[in-house]
C-alpha atoms as a PDB file:
ATOM      1  CA  MET A   1     -84.405  69.087  46.743  1.00  0.00           C
ATOM      2  CA  SER A   2     -81.998  71.715  47.953  1.00  0.00           C
ATOM      3  CA  THR A   3     -79.990  71.016  51.051  1.00  0.00           C
ATOM      4  CA  LEU A   4     -79.036  73.398  53.948  1.00  0.00           C
ATOM      5  CA  SER A   5     -75.857  73.669  55.938  1.00  0.00           C
ATOM      6  CA  VAL A   6     -75.571  76.025  58.957  1.00  0.00           C
ATOM      7  CA  ALA A   7     -72.439  77.137  60.437  1.00  0.00           C
ATOM      8  CA  ILE A   8     -72.024  78.273  64.110  1.00  0.00           C
ATOM      9  CA  PRO A   9     -68.796  80.089  64.870  1.00  0.00           C
ATOM     10  CA  ALA A  10     -68.126  79.551  68.590  1.00  0.00           C
ATOM     11  CA  TYR A  11     -65.590  80.956  71.054  1.00  0.00           C
ATOM     12  CA  ASN A  12     -66.237  80.208  74.779  1.00  0.00           C
ATOM     13  CA  GLU A  13     -69.953  79.835  74.165  1.00  0.00           C
ATOM     14  CA  GLU A  14     -70.811  77.173  76.913  1.00  0.00           C
ATOM     15  CA  THR A  15     -73.688  79.255  78.088  1.00  0.00           C
ATOM     16  CA  ASN A  16     -75.178  79.788  74.786  1.00  0.00           C
ATOM     17  CA  LEU A  17     -74.361  76.903  72.316  1.00  0.00           C
ATOM     18  CA  ALA A  18     -76.830  74.406  73.634  1.00  0.00           C
ATOM     19  CA  ASP A  19     -79.849  76.948  73.271  1.00  0.00           C
ATOM     20  CA  CYS A  20     -78.679  77.715  69.790  1.00  0.00           C
ATOM     21  CA  LEU A  21     -78.460  74.013  68.806  1.00  0.00           C
ATOM     22  CA  ASP A  22     -81.728  73.107  70.426  1.00  0.00           C
ATOM     23  CA  LYS A  23     -83.513  75.765  68.211  1.00  0.00           C
ATOM     24  CA  LEU A  24     -81.819  74.618  65.107  1.00  0.00           C
ATOM     25  CA  LEU A  25     -82.602  70.951  65.804  1.00  0.00           C
ATOM     26  CA  ALA A  26     -86.318  71.727  66.316  1.00  0.00           C
ATOM     27  CA  GLN A  27     -86.956  73.186  62.949  1.00  0.00           C
ATOM     28  CA  THR A  28     -90.201  72.309  61.008  1.00  0.00           C
ATOM     29  CA  ARG A  29     -87.913  71.785  58.010  1.00  0.00           C
ATOM     30  CA  PRO A  30     -84.889  69.786  59.363  1.00  0.00           C
ATOM     31  CA  ILE A  31     -81.529  71.147  58.743  1.00  0.00           C
ATOM     32  CA  ASP A  32     -79.317  68.774  56.796  1.00  0.00           C
ATOM     33  CA  GLU A  33     -76.022  69.766  58.376  1.00  0.00           C
ATOM     34  CA  ILE A  34     -75.053  71.827  61.499  1.00  0.00           C
ATOM     35  CA  ILE A  35     -71.321  72.754  61.744  1.00  0.00           C
ATOM     36  CA  VAL A  36     -70.058  74.054  65.048  1.00  0.00           C
ATOM     37  CA  VAL A  37     -66.746  75.798  64.482  1.00  0.00           C
ATOM     38  CA  ASP A  38     -64.725  75.980  67.638  1.00  0.00           C
ATOM     39  CA  ASN A  39     -62.445  78.995  67.675  1.00  0.00           C
ATOM     40  CA  GLY A  40     -59.964  78.106  70.266  1.00  0.00           C
ATOM     41  CA  SER A  41     -62.411  77.832  73.257  1.00  0.00           C
ATOM     42  CA  THR A  42     -61.074  77.188  76.739  1.00  0.00           C
ATOM     43  CA  ASP A  43     -64.430  76.453  78.400  1.00  0.00           C
ATOM     44  CA  ARG A  44     -66.890  73.553  77.784  1.00  0.00           C
ATOM     45  CA  THR A  45     -67.848  74.588  74.202  1.00  0.00           C
ATOM     46  CA  ILE A  46     -66.060  71.669  72.566  1.00  0.00           C
ATOM     47  CA  GLU A  47     -67.493  69.191  75.153  1.00  0.00           C
ATOM     48  CA  ILE A  48     -71.021  70.472  74.415  1.00  0.00           C
ATOM     49  CA  ALA A  49     -70.518  70.226  70.705  1.00  0.00           C
ATOM     50  CA  HIS A  50     -69.227  66.651  70.995  1.00  0.00           C
ATOM     51  CA  GLU A  51     -72.273  65.727  73.166  1.00  0.00           C
ATOM     52  CA  TYR A  52     -74.742  66.961  70.425  1.00  0.00           C
ATOM     53  CA  SER A  53     -72.792  65.429  67.647  1.00  0.00           C
ATOM     54  CA  ALA A  54     -72.975  62.097  69.457  1.00  0.00           C
ATOM     55  CA  ARG A  55     -76.675  62.386  69.740  1.00  0.00           C
ATOM     56  CA  PHE A  56     -77.579  63.964  66.411  1.00  0.00           C
ATOM     57  CA  ARG A  57     -76.127  62.916  63.081  1.00  0.00           C
ATOM     58  CA  SER A  58     -76.611  66.202  61.488  1.00  0.00           C
ATOM     59  CA  VAL A  59     -74.325  67.934  63.961  1.00  0.00           C
ATOM     60  CA  ARG A  60     -70.490  67.899  63.596  1.00  0.00           C
ATOM     61  CA  LEU A  61     -67.579  69.828  65.171  1.00  0.00           C
ATOM     62  CA  VAL A  62     -64.707  71.415  63.199  1.00  0.00           C
ATOM     63  CA  GLN A  63     -61.955  73.559  64.553  1.00  0.00           C
ATOM     64  CA  GLU A  64     -60.425  76.892  63.345  1.00  0.00           C
ATOM     65  CA  SER A  65     -57.175  77.839  65.123  1.00  0.00           C
ATOM     66  CA  THR A  66     -56.986  81.447  63.744  1.00  0.00           C
ATOM     67  CA  ARG A  67     -58.914  83.475  66.151  1.00  0.00           C
ATOM     68  CA  GLY A  68     -61.687  85.779  64.982  1.00  0.00           C
ATOM     69  CA  ILE A  69     -65.257  85.639  63.886  1.00  0.00           C
ATOM     70  CA  HIS A  70     -64.259  86.176  60.197  1.00  0.00           C
ATOM     71  CA  HIS A  71     -61.944  83.136  60.145  1.00  0.00           C
ATOM     72  CA  ALA A  72     -64.393  80.902  62.114  1.00  0.00           C
ATOM     73  CA  ARG A  73     -67.282  81.905  59.803  1.00  0.00           C
ATOM     74  CA  ARG A  74     -65.138  81.255  56.743  1.00  0.00           C
ATOM     75  CA  ARG A  75     -64.192  77.730  58.021  1.00  0.00           C
ATOM     76  CA  GLY A  76     -67.865  76.828  58.714  1.00  0.00           C
ATOM     77  CA  LEU A  77     -69.173  78.049  55.306  1.00  0.00           C
ATOM     78  CA  ASP A  78     -66.255  76.365  53.482  1.00  0.00           C
ATOM     79  CA  CYS A  79     -67.142  73.082  55.224  1.00  0.00           C
ATOM     80  CA  GLY A  80     -70.780  73.210  54.353  1.00  0.00           C
ATOM     81  CA  THR A  81     -71.846  70.816  51.677  1.00  0.00           C
ATOM     82  CA  GLY A  82     -75.473  72.162  51.263  1.00  0.00           C
ATOM     83  CA  GLU A  83     -76.534  74.083  48.201  1.00  0.00           C
ATOM     84  CA  ILE A  84     -77.631  76.702  50.626  1.00  0.00           C
ATOM     85  CA  LEU A  85     -75.390  77.797  53.452  1.00  0.00           C
ATOM     86  CA  ALA A  86     -76.247  79.713  56.559  1.00  0.00           C
ATOM     87  CA  LYS A  87     -74.501  81.368  59.401  1.00  0.00           C
ATOM     88  CA  VAL A  88     -75.979  81.700  62.856  1.00  0.00           C
ATOM     89  CA  ASP A  89     -74.213  83.178  65.902  1.00  0.00           C
ATOM     90  CA  ALA A  90     -73.851  80.973  68.938  1.00  0.00           C
ATOM     91  CA  ASP A  91     -75.752  83.515  71.024  1.00  0.00           C
ATOM     92  CA  THR A  92     -78.690  83.532  68.499  1.00  0.00           C
ATOM     93  CA  ARG A  93     -81.934  81.746  68.583  1.00  0.00           C
ATOM     94  CA  VAL A  94     -84.092  81.230  65.600  1.00  0.00           C
ATOM     95  CA  PRO A  95     -87.760  80.323  65.538  1.00  0.00           C
ATOM     96  CA  SER A  96     -88.946  76.824  64.523  1.00  0.00           C
ATOM     97  CA  ASP A  97     -89.900  77.856  60.881  1.00  0.00           C
ATOM     98  CA  TRP A  98     -86.630  79.759  60.173  1.00  0.00           C
ATOM     99  CA  ALA A  99     -85.157  77.044  58.031  1.00  0.00           C
ATOM    100  CA  GLU A 100     -88.384  76.348  56.246  1.00  0.00           C
ATOM    101  CA  ASN A 101     -88.997  80.043  55.395  1.00  0.00           C
ATOM    102  CA  GLY A 102     -85.455  80.498  54.275  1.00  0.00           C
ATOM    103  CA  MET A 103     -85.432  77.489  51.981  1.00  0.00           C
ATOM    104  CA  LYS A 104     -88.822  78.420  50.483  1.00  0.00           C
ATOM    105  CA  PHE A 105     -87.216  81.650  49.256  1.00  0.00           C
ATOM    106  CA  PHE A 106     -84.418  79.823  47.402  1.00  0.00           C
ATOM    107  CA  THR A 107     -86.762  77.266  45.910  1.00  0.00           C
ATOM    108  CA  ALA A 108     -89.123  79.884  44.590  1.00  0.00           C
ATOM    109  CA  ASP A 109     -88.405  81.613  41.244  1.00  0.00           C
ATOM    110  CA  ARG A 110     -86.742  84.575  43.061  1.00  0.00           C
ATOM    111  CA  GLY A 111     -84.096  82.402  44.744  1.00  0.00           C
ATOM    112  CA  LEU A 112     -81.718  80.083  42.934  1.00  0.00           C
ATOM    113  CA  ASP A 113     -82.398  81.359  39.442  1.00  0.00           C
ATOM    114  CA  THR A 114     -81.978  85.103  40.089  1.00  0.00           C
ATOM    115  CA  ASP A 115     -79.302  87.418  41.300  1.00  0.00           C
ATOM    116  CA  PHE A 116     -80.581  87.216  44.934  1.00  0.00           C
ATOM    117  CA  ALA A 117     -77.794  85.310  46.470  1.00  0.00           C
ATOM    118  CA  ALA A 118     -78.335  85.877  50.135  1.00  0.00           C
ATOM    119  CA  LEU A 119     -81.301  86.216  52.552  1.00  0.00           C
ATOM    120  CA  THR A 120     -81.506  87.947  55.892  1.00  0.00           C
ATOM    121  CA  GLY A 121     -84.076  89.195  58.336  1.00  0.00           C
ATOM    122  CA  PRO A 122     -84.681  91.308  61.491  1.00  0.00           C
ATOM    123  CA  PHE A 123     -83.438  90.479  64.867  1.00  0.00           C
ATOM    124  CA  LEU A 124     -84.292  91.153  68.531  1.00  0.00           C
ATOM    125  CA  LEU A 125     -82.326  90.974  71.777  1.00  0.00           C
ATOM    126  CA  HIS A 126     -83.546  87.967  73.740  1.00  0.00           C
ATOM    127  CA  ASP A 127     -81.711  88.956  76.939  1.00  0.00           C
ATOM    128  CA  ALA A 128     -82.671  92.693  76.922  1.00  0.00           C
ATOM    129  CA  PRO A 129     -85.637  94.327  78.402  1.00  0.00           C
ATOM    130  CA  MET A 130     -88.768  95.606  76.744  1.00  0.00           C
ATOM    131  CA  MET A 131     -89.307  92.920  74.168  1.00  0.00           C
ATOM    132  CA  GLU A 132     -92.543  94.281  72.952  1.00  0.00           C
ATOM    133  CA  ARG A 133     -90.991  97.786  72.461  1.00  0.00           C
ATOM    134  CA  GLN A 134     -88.150  96.109  70.515  1.00  0.00           C
ATOM    135  CA  LYS A 135     -90.581  94.597  68.223  1.00  0.00           C
ATOM    136  CA  ARG A 136     -92.376  97.981  67.604  1.00  0.00           C
ATOM    137  CA  LEU A 137     -89.018  99.700  66.976  1.00  0.00           C
ATOM    138  CA  ALA A 138     -87.953  96.962  64.608  1.00  0.00           C
ATOM    139  CA  GLU A 139     -91.171  97.189  62.696  1.00  0.00           C
ATOM    140  CA  LYS A 140     -90.849 100.986  62.430  1.00  0.00           C
ATOM    141  CA  SER A 141     -87.162 100.678  61.323  1.00  0.00           C
ATOM    142  CA  TYR A 142     -88.124  98.353  58.412  1.00  0.00           C
ATOM    143  CA  ARG A 143     -91.354  99.962  57.556  1.00  0.00           C
ATOM    144  CA  LYS A 144     -90.395 100.252  53.931  1.00  0.00           C
ATOM    145  CA  LEU A 145     -89.552  96.479  53.948  1.00  0.00           C
ATOM    146  CA  ARG A 146     -92.554  95.218  55.783  1.00  0.00           C
ATOM    147  CA  ASN A 147     -93.415  93.067  52.791  1.00  0.00           C
ATOM    148  CA  GLY A 148     -89.795  92.122  52.098  1.00  0.00           C
ATOM    149  CA  GLY A 149     -87.481  93.458  49.381  1.00  0.00           C
ATOM    150  CA  PRO A 150     -83.799  94.047  48.472  1.00  0.00           C
ATOM    151  CA  ILE A 151     -81.442  95.334  51.351  1.00  0.00           C
ATOM    152  CA  GLY A 152     -77.881  96.433  51.288  1.00  0.00           C
ATOM    153  CA  SER A 153     -76.402  93.684  53.424  1.00  0.00           C
ATOM    154  CA  VAL A 154     -76.968  90.597  55.454  1.00  0.00           C
ATOM    155  CA  HIS A 155     -77.434  90.853  59.300  1.00  0.00           C
ATOM    156  CA  GLY A 156     -74.714  89.190  61.314  1.00  0.00           C
ATOM    157  CA  PRO A 157     -76.686  87.066  63.866  1.00  0.00           C
ATOM    158  CA  ALA A 158     -78.369  84.910  61.126  1.00  0.00           C
ATOM    159  CA  TYR A 159     -78.343  84.859  57.319  1.00  0.00           C
ATOM    160  CA  PHE A 160     -78.514  82.438  54.350  1.00  0.00           C
ATOM    161  CA  ILE A 161     -76.234  82.448  51.271  1.00  0.00           C
ATOM    162  CA  ARG A 162     -76.138  80.384  48.154  1.00  0.00           C
ATOM    163  CA  ARG A 163     -73.129  78.129  48.052  1.00  0.00           C
ATOM    164  CA  ASP A 164     -72.271  79.085  44.578  1.00  0.00           C
ATOM    165  CA  ALA A 165     -72.261  82.790  45.576  1.00  0.00           C
ATOM    166  CA  TRP A 166     -70.109  82.137  48.639  1.00  0.00           C
ATOM    167  CA  ARG A 167     -67.512  80.427  46.466  1.00  0.00           C
ATOM    168  CA  ARG A 168     -67.578  83.386  44.169  1.00  0.00           C
ATOM    169  CA  ILE A 169     -66.940  85.990  46.984  1.00  0.00           C
ATOM    170  CA  ARG A 170     -64.885  84.208  49.540  1.00  0.00           C
ATOM    171  CA  SER A 171     -61.480  85.197  48.138  1.00  0.00           C
ATOM    172  CA  ASP A 172     -62.449  88.862  48.028  1.00  0.00           C
ATOM    173  CA  LEU A 173     -63.413  89.184  51.714  1.00  0.00           C
ATOM    174  CA  HIS A 174     -61.333  91.168  54.191  1.00  0.00           C
ATOM    175  CA  ASP A 175     -60.921  88.574  56.800  1.00  0.00           C
ATOM    176  CA  ASN A 176     -57.597  89.972  58.149  1.00  0.00           C
ATOM    177  CA  GLU A 177     -58.870  93.495  58.555  1.00  0.00           C
ATOM    178  CA  PRO A 178     -60.964  95.022  61.442  1.00  0.00           C
ATOM    179  CA  VAL A 179     -64.239  95.152  59.323  1.00  0.00           C
ATOM    180  CA  TRP A 180     -67.836  94.256  60.037  1.00  0.00           C
ATOM    181  CA  GLU A 181     -67.995  90.788  58.659  1.00  0.00           C
ATOM    182  CA  ASP A 182     -71.749  91.025  57.605  1.00  0.00           C
ATOM    183  CA  LEU A 183     -71.381  94.348  55.800  1.00  0.00           C
ATOM    184  CA  ASP A 184     -68.179  92.992  54.205  1.00  0.00           C
ATOM    185  CA  ILE A 185     -70.226  90.060  52.774  1.00  0.00           C
ATOM    186  CA  GLY A 186     -72.987  92.449  51.600  1.00  0.00           C
ATOM    187  CA  LEU A 187     -70.742  94.824  49.788  1.00  0.00           C
ATOM    188  CA  THR A 188     -68.612  91.913  48.226  1.00  0.00           C
ATOM    189  CA  LEU A 189     -71.923  90.299  46.965  1.00  0.00           C
ATOM    190  CA  HIS A 190     -72.827  93.588  45.393  1.00  0.00           C
ATOM    191  CA  GLU A 191     -69.501  93.995  43.705  1.00  0.00           C
ATOM    192  CA  HIS A 192     -70.032  90.560  42.109  1.00  0.00           C
ATOM    193  CA  GLY A 193     -73.448  91.489  40.890  1.00  0.00           C
ATOM    194  CA  PHE A 194     -75.452  89.687  43.591  1.00  0.00           C
ATOM    195  CA  ARG A 195     -78.267  91.044  45.672  1.00  0.00           C
ATOM    196  CA  VAL A 196     -79.426  90.529  49.362  1.00  0.00           C
ATOM    197  CA  TYR A 197     -83.133  89.968  50.093  1.00  0.00           C
ATOM    198  CA  PHE A 198     -84.857  90.970  53.403  1.00  0.00           C
ATOM    199  CA  ASP A 199     -87.700  88.850  54.743  1.00  0.00           C
ATOM    200  CA  PRO A 200     -89.345  90.183  57.872  1.00  0.00           C
ATOM    201  CA  CYS A 201     -90.565  86.691  58.593  1.00  0.00           C
ATOM    202  CA  LEU A 202     -86.938  85.557  59.348  1.00  0.00           C
ATOM    203  CA  LEU A 203     -86.949  87.022  62.797  1.00  0.00           C
ATOM    204  CA  ALA A 204     -83.987  85.926  65.065  1.00  0.00           C
ATOM    205  CA  GLU A 205     -83.258  86.670  68.662  1.00  0.00           C
ATOM    206  CA  SER A 206     -79.642  87.507  69.521  1.00  0.00           C
ATOM    207  CA  SER A 207     -77.846  88.788  72.633  1.00  0.00           C
ATOM    208  CA  CYS A 208     -77.481  92.294  73.987  1.00  0.00           C
ATOM    209  CA  ARG A 209     -73.960  91.506  75.419  1.00  0.00           C
ATOM    210  CA  ARG A 210     -72.179  93.788  72.971  1.00  0.00           C
ATOM    211  CA  MET A 211     -74.127  96.663  74.309  1.00  0.00           C
ATOM    212  CA  GLN A 212     -73.170  95.714  77.922  1.00  0.00           C
ATOM    213  CA  TYR A 213     -69.679  96.705  77.041  1.00  0.00           C
ATOM    214  CA  ALA A 214     -68.635 100.152  78.157  1.00  0.00           C
ATOM    215  CA  PRO A 215     -69.086 102.662  75.282  1.00  0.00           C
ATOM    216  CA  TRP A 216     -65.399 103.584  75.242  1.00  0.00           C
ATOM    217  CA  ARG A 217     -64.552 100.006  74.803  1.00  0.00           C
ATOM    218  CA  ASN A 218     -66.874  99.852  71.810  1.00  0.00           C
ATOM    219  CA  ILE A 219     -65.125 102.619  69.784  1.00  0.00           C
ATOM    220  CA  GLY A 220     -62.937 100.294  67.905  1.00  0.00           C
ATOM    221  CA  TYR A 221     -65.985  98.100  67.037  1.00  0.00           C
ATOM    222  CA  GLY A 222     -67.989 101.246  66.120  1.00  0.00           C
ATOM    223  CA  LEU A 223     -65.275 102.139  63.617  1.00  0.00           C
ATOM    224  CA  GLY A 224     -65.772  98.790  61.814  1.00  0.00           C
ATOM    225  CA  GLY A 225     -68.395 100.216  59.479  1.00  0.00           C
ATOM    226  CA  LEU A 226     -66.011 103.068  58.283  1.00  0.00           C
ATOM    227  CA  ARG A 227     -63.139 100.603  57.945  1.00  0.00           C
ATOM    228  CA  THR A 228     -65.354  98.263  55.949  1.00  0.00           C
ATOM    229  CA  ALA A 229     -66.362 101.060  53.536  1.00  0.00           C
ATOM    230  CA  ARG A 230     -62.690 102.087  53.087  1.00  0.00           C
ATOM    231  CA  ALA A 231     -61.610  98.585  52.387  1.00  0.00           C
ATOM    232  CA  HIS A 232     -64.091  98.393  49.605  1.00  0.00           C
ATOM    233  CA  ARG A 233     -63.243 101.903  48.458  1.00  0.00           C
ATOM    234  CA  ASN A 234     -66.872 102.872  48.591  1.00  0.00           C
ATOM    235  CA  ARG A 235     -66.624 106.646  48.755  1.00  0.00           C
ATOM    236  CA  ARG A 236     -70.338 107.152  49.303  1.00  0.00           C
ATOM    237  CA  MET A 237     -70.442 104.703  52.175  1.00  0.00           C
ATOM    238  CA  VAL A 238     -67.265 106.292  53.690  1.00  0.00           C
ATOM    239  CA  VAL A 239     -69.092 109.594  53.853  1.00  0.00           C
ATOM    240  CA  SER A 240     -72.202 107.993  55.291  1.00  0.00           C
ATOM    241  CA  MET A 241     -70.370 106.038  57.915  1.00  0.00           C
ATOM    242  CA  SER A 242     -68.359 109.027  58.946  1.00  0.00           C
ATOM    243  CA  VAL A 243     -71.534 111.077  59.464  1.00  0.00           C
ATOM    244  CA  ASP A 244     -73.138 108.159  61.296  1.00  0.00           C
ATOM    245  CA  LEU A 245     -70.213 107.429  63.639  1.00  0.00           C
ATOM    246  CA  PRO A 246     -70.942 109.997  66.348  1.00  0.00           C
ATOM    247  CA  ILE A 247     -74.564 108.910  66.349  1.00  0.00           C
ATOM    248  CA  ARG A 248     -73.588 105.222  66.609  1.00  0.00           C
ATOM    249  CA  LEU A 249     -71.195 105.896  69.482  1.00  0.00           C
ATOM    250  CA  ALA A 250     -73.856 107.852  71.254  1.00  0.00           C
ATOM    251  CA  THR A 251     -76.196 104.959  70.758  1.00  0.00           C
ATOM    252  CA  TYR A 252     -73.712 102.573  72.288  1.00  0.00           C
ATOM    253  CA  ALA A 253     -73.599 104.821  75.430  1.00  0.00           C
ATOM    254  CA  TYR A 254     -77.364 104.938  75.619  1.00  0.00           C
ATOM    255  CA  PHE A 255     -77.749 101.170  75.410  1.00  0.00           C
ATOM    256  CA  TRP A 256     -74.913 100.669  77.915  1.00  0.00           C
ATOM    257  CA  LEU A 257     -76.876 102.810  80.390  1.00  0.00           C
ATOM    258  CA  LEU A 258     -79.955 100.778  79.700  1.00  0.00           C
ATOM    259  CA  PHE A 259     -78.655  97.232  79.370  1.00  0.00           C
ATOM    260  CA  ARG A 260     -75.595  97.136  81.716  1.00  0.00           C
ATOM    261  CA  PRO A 261     -77.715  96.995  84.904  1.00  0.00           C
ATOM    262  CA  TRP A 262     -80.321  94.637  83.407  1.00  0.00           C
ATOM    263  CA  ASP A 263     -80.344  91.212  84.928  1.00  0.00           C
ATOM    264  CA  HIS A 264     -82.177  89.095  82.335  1.00  0.00           C
ATOM    265  CA  GLU A 265     -82.528  86.040  84.604  1.00  0.00           C
ATOM    266  CA  SER A 266     -84.499  87.998  87.195  1.00  0.00           C
ATOM    267  CA  ARG A 267     -85.964  90.427  84.555  1.00  0.00           C
ATOM    268  CA  THR A 268     -85.045  93.400  86.784  1.00  0.00           C
ATOM    269  CA  TRP A 269     -82.708  96.315  86.700  1.00  0.00           C
ATOM    270  CA  ARG A 270     -79.963  96.205  89.378  1.00  0.00           C
ATOM    271  CA  PRO A 271     -77.915  99.473  89.367  1.00  0.00           C
ATOM    272  CA  HIS A 272     -75.087  97.926  91.391  1.00  0.00           C
ATOM    273  CA  ARG A 273     -74.184  95.995  88.229  1.00  0.00           C
ATOM    274  CA  TYR A 274     -72.595  99.194  86.772  1.00  0.00           C
ATOM    275  CA  LEU A 275     -69.791  98.715  89.419  1.00  0.00           C
ATOM    276  CA  LEU A 276     -69.343  94.998  88.711  1.00  0.00           C
ATOM    277  CA  PRO A 277     -67.057  93.500  86.055  1.00  0.00           C
ATOM    278  CA  LEU A 278     -68.647  91.792  83.092  1.00  0.00           C
ATOM    279  CA  ASP A 279     -69.186  88.111  84.013  1.00  0.00           C
ATOM    280  CA  ARG A 280     -66.769  85.529  82.549  1.00  0.00           C
ATOM    281  CA  THR A 281     -69.320  84.181  80.022  1.00  0.00           C
ATOM    282  CA  THR A 282     -69.541  87.605  78.313  1.00  0.00           C
ATOM    283  CA  ARG A 283     -66.050  89.001  78.450  1.00  0.00           C
ATOM    284  CA  PRO A 284     -64.070  86.392  76.287  1.00  0.00           C
ATOM    285  CA  GLN A 285     -66.163  86.921  73.158  1.00  0.00           C
ATOM    286  CA  LEU A 286     -66.112  90.701  73.572  1.00  0.00           C
ATOM    287  CA  LEU A 287     -62.408  90.894  74.200  1.00  0.00           C
ATOM    288  CA  ASP A 288     -61.685  88.808  71.157  1.00  0.00           C
ATOM    289  CA  GLU A 289     -63.812  91.094  68.979  1.00  0.00           C
ATOM    290  CA  GLU A 290     -61.971  94.106  70.564  1.00  0.00           C
ATOM    291  CA  ARG A 291     -58.585  92.617  69.662  1.00  0.00           C
ATOM    292  CA  LEU A 292     -59.603  92.308  66.076  1.00  0.00           C
ATOM    293  CA  ALA A 293     -60.907  95.910  65.967  1.00  0.00           C
ATOM    294  CA  ALA A 294     -57.749  97.327  67.568  1.00  0.00           C
END
């Protein structure tokens, strides 16, 4: 029977880590190993991870001193002992059948014995407004894949990857460059002859905090797709990302206008939030990503 290891990169995630772990520990198919990768946190992230590791044998804490999601993700997947590895962001919540559905894919004929090396699914924003509309837009976006099928890359908040494939591609990833880590994985898998499968049942819920960042502060992040394409010398994608960039930046501005005043605790819009600084639980992660994208 195949085993599953899940890595959670975490930097100052004291407000999110417990919820993420609770969801992973409540799976219909128990996860064999959950690895929290502390990336130099200065809040209670390490304390929370220790509390869970003391209560649950499947949870353990490792540390990665080199700052950045790329390095934390690498550390977590490298430490995984399962035949199937997975990465889940600390601000992401997965449904109770997420692990079961993921492992079913890899134990079926199309999983371990084919060129499908990774598995991903759609995601919504749990702390954003209009959840039902989000679902409709997601379904419309993936209309061609409503029954599942090959897709170009994994989606960052949550994905699975075979350990043998990870070991094949890990040395060719661009961890020290300001690239999108999920697209980097997808393109590197393709270059090694592997494919990624999209399963619409693997719905995860992530955070909208990236979209609460002012659009001009997201320019560096928005350039990540173009930088990823250039790093892989993928001319076709360079052209596509260049054309897409103005639309992407305009989208960041739109969502900032929509999400910045949203108070997800009271489920109301509060316009005065435009004038307030991002709270301390949001800024550290975003500032770290901004540093990498600079």
